[in-house]
Amino acid sequence: AALVADHGDREPAPDGGLSPADLLYLADKCVIGQRRVDPEERFDAAQARFGGDPQAGRQIQRRRLAARTIRRRLETRVGRSLATILRTGGMPPGSAP
């Protein structure tokens, strides 16, 4: 329950690591409804919808930067782009689930 409660706002760990909460945060940003999306698409939609409110715009930008940091860490750690992970379900081609 604590993991789920923590995924709304996330500050990536300063040590450069990836926690389960970081991965949940990024996974949440990869979905709109039931559709997988690049997190940038989700943040662009939020900015278009709420960007007229300066406080909301700052919060969206802060969350976008956190997601970008976590994304870079994930891509570096697994050696694959987030787009590939989303497209393949995270499994390397030819591997069994």
N, C-alpha and C. Protein backbone atom coordinates (compact mmCIF):
# COMPACT_ATOMS: atom_id res chain seq x y z
N ALA A 1 0.82 -1.19 0.00
CA ALA A 1 0.00 0.00 0.00
C ALA A 1 0.87 1.26 0.00
N ALA A 2 1.99 1.21 0.73
CA ALA A 2 2.87 2.37 0.78
C ALA A 2 3.46 2.67 -0.59
N LEU A 3 3.77 1.63 -1.34
CA LEU A 3 4.33 1.80 -2.68
C LEU A 3 3.35 2.55 -3.57
N VAL A 4 2.10 2.17 -3.54
CA VAL A 4 1.08 2.81 -4.36
C VAL A 4 0.84 4.24 -3.90
N ALA A 5 0.82 4.46 -2.61
CA ALA A 5 0.59 5.81 -2.09
C ALA A 5 1.71 6.76 -2.49
N ASP A 6 2.89 6.23 -2.73
CA ASP A 6 4.07 7.04 -3.02
C ASP A 6 4.23 7.37 -4.50
N HIS A 7 3.40 6.81 -5.39
CA HIS A 7 3.69 6.96 -6.82
C HIS A 7 3.17 8.25 -7.44
N GLY A 8 2.39 9.04 -6.71
CA GLY A 8 1.85 10.27 -7.27
C GLY A 8 2.92 11.31 -7.53
N ASP A 9 3.75 11.55 -6.55
CA ASP A 9 4.87 12.48 -6.66
C ASP A 9 6.13 11.73 -6.33
N ARG A 10 7.16 11.98 -7.10
CA ARG A 10 8.39 11.20 -6.91
C ARG A 10 9.59 12.09 -7.14
N GLU A 11 10.51 12.04 -6.22
CA GLU A 11 11.82 12.66 -6.40
C GLU A 11 12.80 11.51 -6.58
N PRO A 12 13.42 11.36 -7.73
CA PRO A 12 14.37 10.27 -7.93
C PRO A 12 15.48 10.32 -6.88
N ALA A 13 15.93 9.15 -6.47
CA ALA A 13 16.99 9.06 -5.46
C ALA A 13 18.24 9.80 -5.94
N PRO A 14 18.86 10.57 -5.07
CA PRO A 14 20.05 11.31 -5.48
C PRO A 14 21.24 10.41 -5.78
N ASP A 15 21.20 9.15 -5.33
CA ASP A 15 22.33 8.24 -5.56
C ASP A 15 22.33 7.62 -6.95
N GLY A 16 21.32 7.93 -7.76
CA GLY A 16 21.26 7.40 -9.12
C GLY A 16 20.65 6.03 -9.23
N GLY A 17 20.12 5.50 -8.14
CA GLY A 17 19.52 4.17 -8.16
C GLY A 17 18.09 4.19 -8.68
N LEU A 18 17.53 2.99 -8.76
CA LEU A 18 16.14 2.79 -9.17
C LEU A 18 15.45 1.97 -8.09
N SER A 19 14.38 2.50 -7.55
CA SER A 19 13.63 1.78 -6.53
C SER A 19 12.34 1.24 -7.15
N PRO A 20 11.68 0.30 -6.48
CA PRO A 20 10.36 -0.13 -6.96
C PRO A 20 9.40 1.04 -7.10
N ALA A 21 9.47 2.01 -6.19
CA ALA A 21 8.60 3.19 -6.29
C ALA A 21 8.90 4.00 -7.54
N ASP A 22 10.18 4.10 -7.91
CA ASP A 22 10.55 4.81 -9.14
C ASP A 22 9.93 4.12 -10.36
N LEU A 23 10.04 2.79 -10.39
CA LEU A 23 9.50 2.03 -11.53
C LEU A 23 7.99 2.14 -11.60
N LEU A 24 7.32 2.11 -10.46
CA LEU A 24 5.86 2.28 -10.44
C LEU A 24 5.49 3.67 -10.92
N TYR A 25 6.24 4.67 -10.49
CA TYR A 25 5.98 6.04 -10.92
C TYR A 25 6.07 6.15 -12.44
N LEU A 26 7.15 5.61 -13.01
CA LEU A 26 7.32 5.69 -14.46
C LEU A 26 6.24 4.88 -15.18
N ALA A 27 5.94 3.70 -14.68
CA ALA A 27 4.90 2.87 -15.30
C ALA A 27 3.56 3.61 -15.32
N ASP A 28 3.24 4.30 -14.25
CA ASP A 28 2.00 5.06 -14.18
C ASP A 28 1.97 6.15 -15.25
N LYS A 29 3.11 6.74 -15.53
CA LYS A 29 3.19 7.82 -16.52
C LYS A 29 3.18 7.29 -17.96
N CYS A 30 3.21 5.97 -18.12
CA CYS A 30 3.21 5.33 -19.45
C CYS A 30 1.81 4.87 -19.86
N VAL A 31 0.79 5.34 -19.16
CA VAL A 31 -0.57 4.89 -19.44
C VAL A 31 -1.52 6.09 -19.41
N ILE A 32 -2.38 6.13 -20.41
CA ILE A 32 -3.53 7.04 -20.41
C ILE A 32 -4.74 6.14 -20.61
N GLY A 33 -5.58 6.05 -19.60
CA GLY A 33 -6.70 5.11 -19.67
C GLY A 33 -6.16 3.69 -19.73
N GLN A 34 -6.46 3.00 -20.82
CA GLN A 34 -5.96 1.64 -21.01
C GLN A 34 -4.91 1.58 -22.13
N ARG A 35 -4.43 2.73 -22.55
CA ARG A 35 -3.49 2.81 -23.68
C ARG A 35 -2.09 3.11 -23.18
N ARG A 36 -1.11 2.32 -23.66
CA ARG A 36 0.30 2.60 -23.36
C ARG A 36 0.75 3.78 -24.20
N VAL A 37 1.45 4.70 -23.55
CA VAL A 37 1.94 5.91 -24.22
C VAL A 37 3.34 6.23 -23.74
N ASP A 38 4.04 7.02 -24.51
CA ASP A 38 5.29 7.59 -24.04
C ASP A 38 4.93 8.61 -22.95
N PRO A 39 5.68 8.65 -21.87
CA PRO A 39 5.35 9.62 -20.81
C PRO A 39 5.26 11.05 -21.30
N GLU A 40 6.05 11.42 -22.31
CA GLU A 40 5.98 12.78 -22.83
C GLU A 40 4.58 13.10 -23.35
N GLU A 41 3.92 12.13 -23.98
CA GLU A 41 2.56 12.33 -24.47
C GLU A 41 1.61 12.63 -23.31
N ARG A 42 1.78 11.89 -22.24
CA ARG A 42 0.92 12.11 -21.07
C ARG A 42 1.16 13.51 -20.48
N PHE A 43 2.43 13.90 -20.35
CA PHE A 43 2.72 15.21 -19.79
C PHE A 43 2.29 16.33 -20.72
N ASP A 44 2.42 16.13 -22.04
CA ASP A 44 1.94 17.14 -22.99
C ASP A 44 0.44 17.34 -22.85
N ALA A 45 -0.31 16.24 -22.69
CA ALA A 45 -1.76 16.33 -22.52
C ALA A 45 -2.11 17.06 -21.23
N ALA A 46 -1.39 16.75 -20.16
CA ALA A 46 -1.64 17.43 -18.89
C ALA A 46 -1.32 18.91 -19.00
N GLN A 47 -0.22 19.23 -19.68
CA GLN A 47 0.16 20.64 -19.85
C GLN A 47 -0.89 21.39 -20.65
N ALA A 48 -1.41 20.77 -21.69
CA ALA A 48 -2.44 21.40 -22.50
C ALA A 48 -3.72 21.62 -21.69
N ARG A 49 -4.01 20.67 -20.84
CA ARG A 49 -5.25 20.75 -20.06
C ARG A 49 -5.14 21.70 -18.88
N PHE A 50 -4.01 21.70 -18.18
CA PHE A 50 -3.88 22.46 -16.93
C PHE A 50 -2.81 23.53 -16.96
N GLY A 51 -2.11 23.67 -18.07
CA GLY A 51 -0.96 24.57 -18.14
C GLY A 51 -1.29 26.04 -17.94
N GLY A 52 -2.55 26.41 -18.06
CA GLY A 52 -2.93 27.80 -17.83
C GLY A 52 -2.86 28.18 -16.37
N ASP A 53 -2.82 27.22 -15.51
CA ASP A 53 -2.69 27.43 -14.07
C ASP A 53 -1.20 27.34 -13.74
N PRO A 54 -0.58 28.46 -13.33
CA PRO A 54 0.87 28.44 -13.10
C PRO A 54 1.32 27.38 -12.10
N GLN A 55 0.58 27.18 -11.03
CA GLN A 55 0.96 26.18 -10.04
C GLN A 55 0.88 24.78 -10.64
N ALA A 56 -0.17 24.50 -11.37
CA ALA A 56 -0.31 23.18 -12.01
C ALA A 56 0.79 22.99 -13.05
N GLY A 57 1.11 24.04 -13.80
CA GLY A 57 2.17 23.95 -14.80
C GLY A 57 3.51 23.61 -14.17
N ARG A 58 3.81 24.20 -13.02
CA ARG A 58 5.07 23.89 -12.32
C ARG A 58 5.07 22.45 -11.83
N GLN A 59 3.94 21.99 -11.32
CA GLN A 59 3.85 20.62 -10.83
C GLN A 59 4.00 19.62 -11.98
N ILE A 60 3.39 19.91 -13.10
CA ILE A 60 3.53 19.05 -14.28
C ILE A 60 4.98 18.99 -14.72
N GLN A 61 5.63 20.13 -14.75
CA GLN A 61 7.04 20.17 -15.18
C GLN A 61 7.92 19.40 -14.20
N ARG A 62 7.67 19.54 -12.90
CA ARG A 62 8.45 18.82 -11.90
C ARG A 62 8.29 17.32 -12.07
N ARG A 63 7.05 16.88 -12.30
CA ARG A 63 6.79 15.46 -12.50
C ARG A 63 7.41 14.96 -13.81
N ARG A 64 7.37 15.79 -14.84
CA ARG A 64 7.98 15.42 -16.12
C ARG A 64 9.49 15.20 -15.95
N LEU A 65 10.14 16.11 -15.25
CA LEU A 65 11.58 15.99 -15.04
C LEU A 65 11.92 14.74 -14.22
N ALA A 66 11.11 14.44 -13.21
CA ALA A 66 11.33 13.22 -12.42
C ALA A 66 11.19 11.99 -13.32
N ALA A 67 10.16 11.96 -14.16
CA ALA A 67 9.95 10.82 -15.06
C ALA A 67 11.11 10.69 -16.04
N ARG A 68 11.61 11.80 -16.55
CA ARG A 68 12.75 11.75 -17.48
C ARG A 68 13.99 11.17 -16.81
N THR A 69 14.22 11.57 -15.56
CA THR A 69 15.38 11.06 -14.82
C THR A 69 15.26 9.56 -14.61
N ILE A 70 14.09 9.12 -14.17
CA ILE A 70 13.88 7.69 -13.94
C ILE A 70 13.98 6.93 -15.25
N ARG A 71 13.44 7.50 -16.31
CA ARG A 71 13.51 6.86 -17.63
C ARG A 71 14.96 6.64 -18.06
N ARG A 72 15.78 7.69 -17.93
CA ARG A 72 17.20 7.58 -18.32
C ARG A 72 17.90 6.49 -17.50
N ARG A 73 17.61 6.45 -16.22
CA ARG A 73 18.22 5.44 -15.36
C ARG A 73 17.80 4.04 -15.78
N LEU A 74 16.53 3.86 -16.07
CA LEU A 74 16.03 2.55 -16.49
C LEU A 74 16.66 2.14 -17.81
N GLU A 75 16.66 3.04 -18.78
CA GLU A 75 17.22 2.72 -20.09
C GLU A 75 18.70 2.37 -19.99
N THR A 76 19.43 3.08 -19.16
CA THR A 76 20.85 2.80 -18.95
C THR A 76 21.03 1.44 -18.30
N ARG A 77 20.23 1.17 -17.29
CA ARG A 77 20.37 -0.10 -16.56
C ARG A 77 20.05 -1.31 -17.42
N VAL A 78 18.97 -1.23 -18.23
CA VAL A 78 18.56 -2.41 -19.00
C VAL A 78 19.12 -2.42 -20.42
N GLY A 79 19.68 -1.30 -20.86
CA GLY A 79 20.27 -1.26 -22.20
C GLY A 79 19.25 -1.27 -23.32
N ARG A 80 18.04 -0.80 -23.02
CA ARG A 80 16.97 -0.75 -24.02
C ARG A 80 16.20 0.55 -23.82
N SER A 81 15.62 1.05 -24.89
CA SER A 81 14.83 2.27 -24.78
C SER A 81 13.48 1.96 -24.15
N LEU A 82 12.88 2.96 -23.55
CA LEU A 82 11.55 2.79 -22.98
C LEU A 82 10.55 2.43 -24.07
N ALA A 83 10.71 3.01 -25.25
CA ALA A 83 9.80 2.68 -26.37
C ALA A 83 9.85 1.19 -26.68
N THR A 84 11.05 0.61 -26.68
CA THR A 84 11.18 -0.82 -26.94
C THR A 84 10.55 -1.63 -25.81
N ILE A 85 10.79 -1.22 -24.59
CA ILE A 85 10.20 -1.92 -23.45
C ILE A 85 8.68 -1.90 -23.55
N LEU A 86 8.10 -0.74 -23.86
CA LEU A 86 6.65 -0.64 -23.97
C LEU A 86 6.12 -1.47 -25.13
N ARG A 87 6.84 -1.47 -26.23
CA ARG A 87 6.39 -2.20 -27.43
C ARG A 87 6.47 -3.71 -27.23
N THR A 88 7.49 -4.18 -26.53
CA THR A 88 7.70 -5.62 -26.40
C THR A 88 7.26 -6.17 -25.05
N GLY A 89 6.72 -5.33 -24.20
CA GLY A 89 6.36 -5.79 -22.87
C GLY A 89 7.57 -6.03 -21.98
N GLY A 90 8.72 -5.50 -22.38
CA GLY A 90 9.92 -5.60 -21.58
C GLY A 90 10.76 -6.85 -21.85
N MET A 91 10.25 -7.76 -22.66
CA MET A 91 10.97 -9.00 -22.92
C MET A 91 11.84 -8.85 -24.18
N PRO A 92 13.08 -9.28 -24.12
CA PRO A 92 13.91 -9.26 -25.31
C PRO A 92 13.28 -10.16 -26.38
N PRO A 93 13.42 -9.81 -27.66
CA PRO A 93 12.86 -10.66 -28.72
C PRO A 93 13.33 -12.10 -28.59
N GLY A 94 12.40 -13.03 -28.74
CA GLY A 94 12.73 -14.44 -28.69
C GLY A 94 12.80 -15.05 -27.32
N SER A 95 12.59 -14.24 -26.26
CA SER A 95 12.66 -14.79 -24.91
C SER A 95 11.28 -15.21 -24.44
N ALA A 96 11.24 -16.16 -23.55
CA ALA A 96 9.98 -16.64 -23.00
C ALA A 96 9.61 -15.82 -21.79
N PRO A 97 8.32 -15.58 -21.57
CA PRO A 97 7.91 -14.83 -20.37
C PRO A 97 8.19 -15.60 -19.10
